[in-house]
């Protein structure tokens, strides 16, 4: 559902209203002063990015920083626990 914003001509405050796409309101009453003299304003869109798209937008220098940190510190390797576990296809020793 879109959020429509209206600026009051009397007091200048902006009121927001969430309505369905089919019900496009022309004007609403101001929630601050109660005036019916409002005009719809263009507001900034809100965009929510996924974590993957946020990572893709990072500067490549951060990739180099992470790579150098992992090379200089073995505890920084995210796969260290998996590598320490060994081959899991054979099962655990206590599974036999």
Protein backbone atom coordinates (compact mmCIF):
# COMPACT_ATOMS: atom_id res chain seq x y z
CA UNK A 1 0.00 0.00 0.00
CA UNK A 2 1.40 3.39 -0.92
CA UNK A 3 1.82 6.18 1.58
CA UNK A 4 0.52 9.54 0.35
CA UNK A 5 1.79 12.76 1.95
CA UNK A 6 -0.16 16.00 2.06
CA UNK A 7 1.09 19.48 3.00
CA UNK A 8 -1.37 21.75 4.77
CA UNK A 9 -1.71 25.21 3.20
CA UNK A 10 -2.78 26.67 6.56
CA UNK A 11 -0.03 25.45 8.90
CA UNK A 12 2.55 23.96 6.49
CA UNK A 13 2.79 20.61 8.28
CA UNK A 14 2.94 17.33 6.34
CA UNK A 15 0.45 14.54 7.07
CA UNK A 16 0.82 10.97 5.81
CA UNK A 17 -1.93 8.57 4.83
CA UNK A 18 -1.59 4.90 3.85
CA UNK A 19 -4.32 3.81 1.43
CA UNK A 20 -4.84 1.19 -1.23
CA UNK A 21 -3.82 1.96 -4.81
CA UNK A 22 -7.47 2.06 -5.91
CA UNK A 23 -8.35 4.79 -3.39
CA UNK A 24 -6.20 7.72 -4.48
CA UNK A 25 -7.25 10.57 -2.19
CA UNK A 26 -7.23 14.10 -3.60
CA UNK A 27 -7.02 15.83 -0.22
CA UNK A 28 -7.30 14.94 3.46
CA UNK A 29 -7.82 16.86 6.66
CA UNK A 30 -4.65 18.10 8.35
CA UNK A 31 -3.89 16.05 11.46
CA UNK A 32 -2.23 19.08 13.11
CA UNK A 33 -4.70 21.96 12.63
CA UNK A 34 -7.76 20.19 11.15
CA UNK A 35 -7.85 22.30 7.97
CA UNK A 36 -9.11 20.68 4.75
CA UNK A 37 -6.78 22.80 2.60
CA UNK A 38 -4.10 20.20 1.84
CA UNK A 39 -2.21 19.40 -1.34
CA UNK A 40 -0.48 16.16 -2.20
CA UNK A 41 3.32 16.38 -2.21
CA UNK A 42 5.91 14.21 -3.89
CA UNK A 43 7.89 12.35 -1.25
CA UNK A 44 11.11 10.37 -1.45
CA UNK A 45 10.73 6.67 -2.19
CA UNK A 46 11.91 4.08 0.27
CA UNK A 47 14.08 1.27 -1.09
CA UNK A 48 15.06 -1.74 0.96
CA UNK A 49 18.14 -3.54 -0.34
CA UNK A 50 18.96 -7.16 0.30
CA UNK A 51 22.21 -7.98 2.07
CA UNK A 52 23.62 -9.36 -1.17
CA UNK A 53 22.96 -6.14 -3.07
CA UNK A 54 24.49 -4.13 -0.21
CA UNK A 55 27.65 -6.24 -0.41
CA UNK A 56 27.79 -5.84 -4.20
CA UNK A 57 27.69 -2.05 -3.84
CA UNK A 58 30.67 -1.94 -1.47
CA UNK A 59 33.93 -0.46 -2.65
CA UNK A 60 36.40 -3.16 -3.84
CA UNK A 61 38.96 -1.86 -1.35
CA UNK A 62 36.92 -3.52 1.42
CA UNK A 63 37.33 -6.90 -0.28
CA UNK A 64 41.10 -6.39 -0.25
CA UNK A 65 40.98 -5.36 3.42
CA UNK A 66 39.03 -8.51 4.35
CA UNK A 67 41.38 -10.71 2.32
CA UNK A 68 44.46 -9.23 3.98
CA UNK A 69 42.89 -9.57 7.46
CA UNK A 70 42.09 -13.22 6.83
CA UNK A 71 45.59 -13.88 5.49
CA UNK A 72 47.27 -12.29 8.51
CA UNK A 73 44.99 -13.79 11.17
CA UNK A 74 43.94 -17.46 10.93
CA UNK A 75 41.16 -16.87 13.49
CA UNK A 76 39.48 -14.49 11.01
CA UNK A 77 38.89 -17.26 8.47
CA UNK A 78 35.13 -17.99 8.39
CA UNK A 79 35.76 -21.58 7.22
CA UNK A 80 38.13 -22.45 10.08
CA UNK A 81 35.52 -24.48 11.97
CA UNK A 82 34.49 -26.40 8.86
CA UNK A 83 38.11 -27.13 7.97
CA UNK A 84 38.83 -28.27 11.53
CA UNK A 85 35.89 -30.70 11.44
CA UNK A 86 37.42 -32.78 8.69
CA UNK A 87 35.68 -35.06 6.22
CA UNK A 88 32.04 -35.39 7.29
CA UNK A 89 31.18 -38.04 4.69
CA UNK A 90 32.70 -40.74 6.93
CA UNK A 91 30.49 -39.78 9.88
CA UNK A 92 31.52 -39.31 13.46
CA UNK A 93 33.72 -41.72 15.35
CA UNK A 94 30.92 -42.35 17.85
CA UNK A 95 28.38 -43.18 15.07
CA UNK A 96 29.73 -46.73 14.59
